[in-house]
Amino acid sequence: MRDGFERQQSVTLGEQPGERSETRRTNPGTSAERVLDGVSLESVTPEFSNRYGLGRNAKGVVVRRVDPNSAAAEAGLEQGDVILEANRQPVATVDQLNRYINEATSDAALLLVIREGRTRYVVISTK
């Protein structure tokens, strides 16, 4: 219904472009799986950058969902945050983010995130 009139539209369903990764809640093994347990991530796309005013060449990883019972939520990571760095290394893809967290010597990650135009550090620890 639209403006009181019934209309029929044809649509094609598909996936939104971009790299997606969702961590599992079943016995996470690597540091990245433990630190990001319950977090759904996607690499920043040009469309996302334009929509949220990040700039044409913005790089990073978008937080699509955060389990409210996760260590990430407890640390303050929120849906819509854009992760720019992991352990002081710039990230452009979910794979890079996971690699930099896995290379750390602890079960914690220092993330530089941007939220609503402001940057801040978030420390996520599994201990």
N, C-alpha and C. Protein backbone atom coordinates (compact mmCIF):
# COMPACT_ATOMS: atom_id res chain seq x y z
N MET A 1 0.85 -1.18 0.00
CA MET A 1 0.00 0.00 0.00
C MET A 1 0.89 1.24 0.00
N ARG A 2 0.53 2.18 -0.82
CA ARG A 2 1.24 3.44 -0.88
C ARG A 2 0.23 4.53 -1.21
N ASP A 3 0.13 5.51 -0.33
CA ASP A 3 -0.82 6.62 -0.52
C ASP A 3 -2.24 6.09 -0.73
N GLY A 4 -2.59 5.02 -0.04
CA GLY A 4 -3.94 4.48 -0.13
C GLY A 4 -4.18 3.57 -1.32
N PHE A 5 -3.20 3.38 -2.16
CA PHE A 5 -3.34 2.53 -3.34
C PHE A 5 -2.41 1.33 -3.23
N GLU A 6 -2.93 0.18 -3.67
CA GLU A 6 -2.10 -1.02 -3.68
C GLU A 6 -1.25 -1.02 -4.94
N ARG A 7 0.05 -1.30 -4.76
CA ARG A 7 0.97 -1.34 -5.90
C ARG A 7 1.76 -2.63 -5.84
N GLN A 8 2.14 -3.13 -6.97
CA GLN A 8 3.01 -4.30 -7.03
C GLN A 8 4.32 -3.88 -7.65
N GLN A 9 5.41 -4.35 -7.07
CA GLN A 9 6.74 -4.04 -7.55
C GLN A 9 7.52 -5.33 -7.68
N SER A 10 8.36 -5.40 -8.67
CA SER A 10 9.28 -6.53 -8.82
C SER A 10 10.60 -6.15 -8.19
N VAL A 11 11.17 -7.07 -7.44
CA VAL A 11 12.47 -6.82 -6.80
C VAL A 11 13.37 -8.02 -7.02
N THR A 12 14.65 -7.75 -6.97
CA THR A 12 15.65 -8.80 -7.04
C THR A 12 16.42 -8.80 -5.74
N LEU A 13 16.47 -9.92 -5.06
CA LEU A 13 17.18 -10.02 -3.80
C LEU A 13 18.62 -10.42 -4.06
N GLY A 14 19.51 -9.91 -3.23
CA GLY A 14 20.92 -10.24 -3.35
C GLY A 14 21.65 -9.76 -2.13
N GLU A 15 22.95 -10.03 -2.10
CA GLU A 15 23.78 -9.58 -0.99
C GLU A 15 24.36 -8.22 -1.29
N GLN A 16 24.49 -7.42 -0.25
CA GLN A 16 25.14 -6.14 -0.39
C GLN A 16 26.61 -6.39 -0.63
N PRO A 17 27.25 -5.66 -1.57
CA PRO A 17 28.66 -5.90 -1.82
C PRO A 17 29.50 -5.54 -0.61
N GLY A 18 30.61 -6.21 -0.48
CA GLY A 18 31.52 -5.95 0.63
C GLY A 18 31.87 -7.24 1.34
N GLU A 19 33.01 -7.25 1.93
CA GLU A 19 33.49 -8.42 2.65
C GLU A 19 32.79 -8.47 4.00
N ARG A 20 32.20 -9.61 4.34
CA ARG A 20 31.50 -9.76 5.61
C ARG A 20 32.12 -10.90 6.37
N SER A 21 32.08 -10.76 7.67
CA SER A 21 32.58 -11.83 8.53
C SER A 21 31.81 -11.77 9.82
N GLU A 22 31.37 -12.91 10.28
CA GLU A 22 30.71 -12.95 11.58
C GLU A 22 31.41 -14.00 12.42
N THR A 23 31.83 -13.59 13.59
CA THR A 23 32.50 -14.55 14.47
C THR A 23 31.47 -15.47 15.08
N ARG A 24 31.88 -16.66 15.41
CA ARG A 24 30.99 -17.65 15.98
C ARG A 24 31.11 -17.65 17.48
N ARG A 25 30.08 -18.13 18.16
CA ARG A 25 30.08 -18.20 19.62
C ARG A 25 30.38 -19.61 20.09
N THR A 26 30.92 -20.46 19.22
CA THR A 26 31.20 -21.83 19.61
C THR A 26 32.71 -22.03 19.75
N ASN A 27 33.18 -22.10 20.96
CA ASN A 27 34.59 -22.37 21.26
C ASN A 27 35.56 -21.59 20.38
N PRO A 28 35.57 -20.29 20.46
CA PRO A 28 36.52 -19.54 19.65
C PRO A 28 37.95 -19.94 19.99
N GLY A 29 38.80 -20.06 18.95
CA GLY A 29 40.15 -20.56 19.16
C GLY A 29 41.22 -19.49 19.09
N THR A 30 41.26 -18.69 18.03
CA THR A 30 42.32 -17.69 17.87
C THR A 30 42.02 -16.47 18.73
N SER A 31 43.03 -15.65 18.89
CA SER A 31 42.85 -14.41 19.67
C SER A 31 41.74 -13.55 19.07
N ALA A 32 41.75 -13.42 17.73
CA ALA A 32 40.73 -12.59 17.08
C ALA A 32 39.33 -13.16 17.33
N GLU A 33 39.20 -14.47 17.29
CA GLU A 33 37.89 -15.08 17.55
C GLU A 33 37.43 -14.83 18.98
N ARG A 34 38.37 -14.84 19.92
CA ARG A 34 38.00 -14.58 21.31
C ARG A 34 37.67 -13.11 21.53
N VAL A 35 38.51 -12.23 20.99
CA VAL A 35 38.31 -10.78 21.19
C VAL A 35 37.05 -10.30 20.48
N LEU A 36 36.79 -10.81 19.29
CA LEU A 36 35.67 -10.35 18.48
C LEU A 36 34.48 -11.31 18.52
N ASP A 37 34.43 -12.16 19.51
CA ASP A 37 33.33 -13.11 19.65
C ASP A 37 32.01 -12.35 19.77
N GLY A 38 31.04 -12.66 18.91
CA GLY A 38 29.75 -11.99 18.96
C GLY A 38 29.67 -10.70 18.17
N VAL A 39 30.69 -10.43 17.34
CA VAL A 39 30.74 -9.19 16.56
C VAL A 39 30.63 -9.54 15.08
N SER A 40 29.77 -8.83 14.36
CA SER A 40 29.63 -8.99 12.92
C SER A 40 30.31 -7.79 12.25
N LEU A 41 31.18 -8.07 11.28
CA LEU A 41 32.02 -7.03 10.67
C LEU A 41 31.90 -7.03 9.15
N GLU A 42 32.20 -5.88 8.56
CA GLU A 42 32.22 -5.74 7.11
C GLU A 42 33.22 -4.65 6.73
N SER A 43 33.97 -4.87 5.66
CA SER A 43 34.90 -3.84 5.19
C SER A 43 34.12 -2.62 4.71
N VAL A 44 34.69 -1.43 4.90
CA VAL A 44 34.05 -0.19 4.46
C VAL A 44 33.98 -0.19 2.93
N THR A 45 32.80 0.11 2.41
CA THR A 45 32.60 0.23 0.97
C THR A 45 32.50 1.70 0.59
N PRO A 46 32.70 2.04 -0.68
CA PRO A 46 32.54 3.44 -1.08
C PRO A 46 31.14 3.98 -0.77
N GLU A 47 30.13 3.14 -0.91
CA GLU A 47 28.76 3.58 -0.61
C GLU A 47 28.62 3.94 0.86
N PHE A 48 29.18 3.11 1.74
CA PHE A 48 29.12 3.38 3.17
C PHE A 48 29.86 4.69 3.49
N SER A 49 31.03 4.87 2.88
CA SER A 49 31.83 6.08 3.10
C SER A 49 31.05 7.33 2.72
N ASN A 50 30.39 7.29 1.57
CA ASN A 50 29.61 8.44 1.12
C ASN A 50 28.43 8.70 2.04
N ARG A 51 27.73 7.65 2.42
CA ARG A 51 26.53 7.81 3.25
C ARG A 51 26.86 8.43 4.60
N TYR A 52 28.01 8.04 5.19
CA TYR A 52 28.35 8.51 6.53
C TYR A 52 29.44 9.57 6.55
N GLY A 53 29.77 10.12 5.38
CA GLY A 53 30.69 11.24 5.31
C GLY A 53 32.10 10.92 5.76
N LEU A 54 32.57 9.73 5.48
CA LEU A 54 33.92 9.35 5.89
C LEU A 54 34.99 9.79 4.91
N GLY A 55 34.59 10.22 3.74
CA GLY A 55 35.56 10.61 2.74
C GLY A 55 35.66 9.54 1.66
N ARG A 56 36.08 9.97 0.50
CA ARG A 56 36.10 9.11 -0.67
C ARG A 56 37.03 7.91 -0.52
N ASN A 57 38.17 8.08 0.09
CA ASN A 57 39.17 7.01 0.18
C ASN A 57 39.23 6.38 1.57
N ALA A 58 38.15 6.44 2.30
CA ALA A 58 38.14 5.91 3.67
C ALA A 58 38.36 4.40 3.66
N LYS A 59 39.13 3.94 4.61
CA LYS A 59 39.40 2.52 4.80
C LYS A 59 39.01 2.16 6.22
N GLY A 60 38.70 0.91 6.43
CA GLY A 60 38.37 0.45 7.77
C GLY A 60 37.39 -0.70 7.72
N VAL A 61 36.93 -1.08 8.90
CA VAL A 61 36.01 -2.19 9.05
C VAL A 61 34.80 -1.70 9.85
N VAL A 62 33.60 -1.91 9.31
CA VAL A 62 32.37 -1.46 9.95
C VAL A 62 31.86 -2.54 10.90
N VAL A 63 31.45 -2.12 12.08
CA VAL A 63 30.82 -3.04 13.04
C VAL A 63 29.33 -3.06 12.70
N ARG A 64 28.86 -4.21 12.22
CA ARG A 64 27.45 -4.36 11.82
C ARG A 64 26.57 -4.76 12.99
N ARG A 65 27.10 -5.56 13.91
CA ARG A 65 26.31 -6.02 15.04
C ARG A 65 27.25 -6.39 16.17
N VAL A 66 26.80 -6.14 17.41
CA VAL A 66 27.57 -6.52 18.59
C VAL A 66 26.62 -7.22 19.55
N ASP A 67 26.97 -8.44 19.93
CA ASP A 67 26.19 -9.17 20.93
C ASP A 67 26.29 -8.40 22.25
N PRO A 68 25.16 -8.04 22.86
CA PRO A 68 25.21 -7.24 24.09
C PRO A 68 25.89 -7.96 25.26
N ASN A 69 26.06 -9.27 25.18
CA ASN A 69 26.71 -10.02 26.25
C ASN A 69 28.18 -10.32 25.95
N SER A 70 28.74 -9.68 24.95
CA SER A 70 30.12 -9.96 24.54
C SER A 70 31.12 -9.04 25.23
N ALA A 71 32.38 -9.45 25.19
CA ALA A 71 33.47 -8.61 25.73
C ALA A 71 33.56 -7.31 24.94
N ALA A 72 33.28 -7.36 23.64
CA ALA A 72 33.33 -6.16 22.80
C ALA A 72 32.29 -5.13 23.24
N ALA A 73 31.07 -5.60 23.54
CA ALA A 73 30.03 -4.69 24.02
C ALA A 73 30.40 -4.11 25.37
N GLU A 74 30.94 -4.95 26.22
CA GLU A 74 31.36 -4.50 27.55
C GLU A 74 32.45 -3.42 27.46
N ALA A 75 33.31 -3.54 26.43
CA ALA A 75 34.38 -2.56 26.24
C ALA A 75 33.89 -1.27 25.60
N GLY A 76 32.67 -1.30 25.04
CA GLY A 76 32.11 -0.08 24.46
C GLY A 76 32.02 -0.07 22.95
N LEU A 77 32.34 -1.18 22.27
CA LEU A 77 32.20 -1.25 20.83
C LEU A 77 30.71 -1.27 20.49
N GLU A 78 30.31 -0.49 19.48
CA GLU A 78 28.89 -0.38 19.14
C GLU A 78 28.67 -0.58 17.65
N GLN A 79 27.45 -0.97 17.32
CA GLN A 79 27.05 -1.09 15.93
C GLN A 79 27.25 0.26 15.26
N GLY A 80 27.82 0.26 14.06
CA GLY A 80 28.06 1.49 13.32
C GLY A 80 29.45 2.05 13.51
N ASP A 81 30.18 1.57 14.53
CA ASP A 81 31.57 2.01 14.70
C ASP A 81 32.38 1.56 13.49
N VAL A 82 33.37 2.37 13.13
CA VAL A 82 34.29 2.00 12.07
C VAL A 82 35.67 1.81 12.70
N ILE A 83 36.21 0.61 12.58
CA ILE A 83 37.52 0.31 13.14
C ILE A 83 38.58 0.73 12.13
N LEU A 84 39.44 1.66 12.55
CA LEU A 84 40.49 2.18 11.67
C LEU A 84 41.83 1.48 11.90
N GLU A 85 42.08 1.07 13.14
CA GLU A 85 43.35 0.43 13.49
C GLU A 85 43.10 -0.69 14.49
N ALA A 86 43.98 -1.69 14.42
CA ALA A 86 44.01 -2.75 15.42
C ALA A 86 45.45 -2.86 15.90
N ASN A 87 45.65 -2.68 17.19
CA ASN A 87 46.99 -2.71 17.78
C ASN A 87 47.96 -1.81 17.03
N ARG A 88 47.48 -0.61 16.74
CA ARG A 88 48.24 0.47 16.10
C ARG A 88 48.63 0.19 14.65
N GLN A 89 47.95 -0.75 14.02
CA GLN A 89 48.16 -1.05 12.60
C GLN A 89 46.89 -0.69 11.83
N PRO A 90 47.00 0.08 10.75
CA PRO A 90 45.80 0.45 9.99
C PRO A 90 45.16 -0.78 9.35
N VAL A 91 43.83 -0.84 9.38
CA VAL A 91 43.11 -1.96 8.79
C VAL A 91 42.17 -1.47 7.70
N ALA A 92 42.09 -2.25 6.62
CA ALA A 92 41.18 -1.94 5.52
C ALA A 92 40.22 -3.09 5.27
N THR A 93 40.54 -4.27 5.81
CA THR A 93 39.70 -5.44 5.59
C THR A 93 39.52 -6.21 6.89
N VAL A 94 38.52 -7.07 6.90
CA VAL A 94 38.29 -7.92 8.07
C VAL A 94 39.47 -8.86 8.27
N ASP A 95 40.04 -9.37 7.18
CA ASP A 95 41.20 -10.27 7.29
C ASP A 95 42.38 -9.57 7.96
N GLN A 96 42.65 -8.32 7.59
CA GLN A 96 43.73 -7.57 8.23
C GLN A 96 43.46 -7.39 9.71
N LEU A 97 42.24 -7.03 10.06
CA LEU A 97 41.87 -6.85 11.47
C LEU A 97 42.15 -8.13 12.25
N ASN A 98 41.69 -9.26 11.74
CA ASN A 98 41.93 -10.54 12.41
C ASN A 98 43.42 -10.85 12.53
N ARG A 99 44.17 -10.58 11.46
CA ARG A 99 45.62 -10.87 11.47
C ARG A 99 46.33 -10.04 12.54
N TYR A 100 46.05 -8.75 12.63
CA TYR A 100 46.73 -7.90 13.61
C TYR A 100 46.36 -8.27 15.04
N ILE A 101 45.14 -8.69 15.25
CA ILE A 101 44.76 -9.13 16.60
C ILE A 101 45.45 -10.45 16.92
N ASN A 102 45.51 -11.36 15.95
CA ASN A 102 46.17 -12.65 16.18
C ASN A 102 47.67 -12.52 16.40
N GLU A 103 48.29 -11.49 15.84
CA GLU A 103 49.73 -11.28 16.00
C GLU A 103 50.09 -10.72 17.38
N ALA A 104 49.10 -10.26 18.12
CA ALA A 104 49.36 -9.69 19.45
C ALA A 104 49.78 -10.80 20.41
N THR A 105 50.49 -10.41 21.45
CA THR A 105 50.97 -11.38 22.43
C THR A 105 50.01 -11.56 23.60
N SER A 106 48.85 -10.91 23.55
CA SER A 106 47.89 -11.04 24.64
C SER A 106 46.50 -11.29 24.08
N ASP A 107 45.57 -11.58 24.97
CA ASP A 107 44.18 -11.77 24.57
C ASP A 107 43.41 -10.47 24.69
N ALA A 108 44.01 -9.41 24.23
CA ALA A 108 43.37 -8.10 24.23
C ALA A 108 43.71 -7.41 22.92
N ALA A 109 42.86 -6.48 22.53
CA ALA A 109 43.10 -5.72 21.31
C ALA A 109 42.84 -4.25 21.58
N LEU A 110 43.72 -3.41 21.05
CA LEU A 110 43.55 -1.97 21.10
C LEU A 110 43.02 -1.55 19.73
N LEU A 111 41.79 -1.06 19.70
CA LEU A 111 41.16 -0.66 18.45
C LEU A 111 40.95 0.84 18.42
N LEU A 112 41.31 1.46 17.32
CA LEU A 112 40.98 2.87 17.09
C LEU A 112 39.70 2.88 16.27
N VAL A 113 38.64 3.47 16.82
CA VAL A 113 37.35 3.49 16.14
C VAL A 113 36.88 4.91 15.95
N ILE A 114 36.07 5.09 14.93
CA ILE A 114 35.43 6.38 14.70
C ILE A 114 33.93 6.15 14.85
N ARG A 115 33.31 7.03 15.63
CA ARG A 115 31.87 6.97 15.88
C ARG A 115 31.34 8.39 15.80
N GLU A 116 30.41 8.62 14.90
CA GLU A 116 29.78 9.94 14.74
C GLU A 116 30.82 11.04 14.61
N GLY A 117 31.84 10.79 13.81
CA GLY A 117 32.86 11.80 13.53
C GLY A 117 33.94 11.95 14.57
N ARG A 118 33.89 11.18 15.64
CA ARG A 118 34.90 11.28 16.70
C ARG A 118 35.66 9.97 16.82
N THR A 119 36.98 10.09 16.98
CA THR A 119 37.79 8.89 17.13
C THR A 119 38.07 8.64 18.60
N ARG A 120 38.21 7.37 18.93
CA ARG A 120 38.54 6.97 20.30
C ARG A 120 39.13 5.57 20.27
N TYR A 121 39.83 5.25 21.33
CA TYR A 121 40.38 3.90 21.47
C TYR A 121 39.44 3.05 22.30
N VAL A 122 39.33 1.79 21.91
CA VAL A 122 38.55 0.79 22.66
C VAL A 122 39.49 -0.38 22.90
N VAL A 123 39.58 -0.80 24.14
CA VAL A 123 40.38 -1.97 24.49
C VAL A 123 39.44 -3.12 24.81
N ILE A 124 39.56 -4.19 24.05
CA ILE A 124 38.73 -5.37 24.29
C ILE A 124 39.63 -6.46 24.82
N SER A 125 39.28 -6.97 25.97
CA SER A 125 40.04 -8.03 26.63
C SER A 125 39.14 -9.22 26.91
N THR A 126 39.67 -10.41 26.74
CA THR A 126 38.88 -11.61 27.02
C THR A 126 39.18 -12.17 28.39
N LYS A 127 40.01 -11.48 29.15
CA LYS A 127 40.35 -11.96 30.51
C LYS A 127 39.59 -11.19 31.55
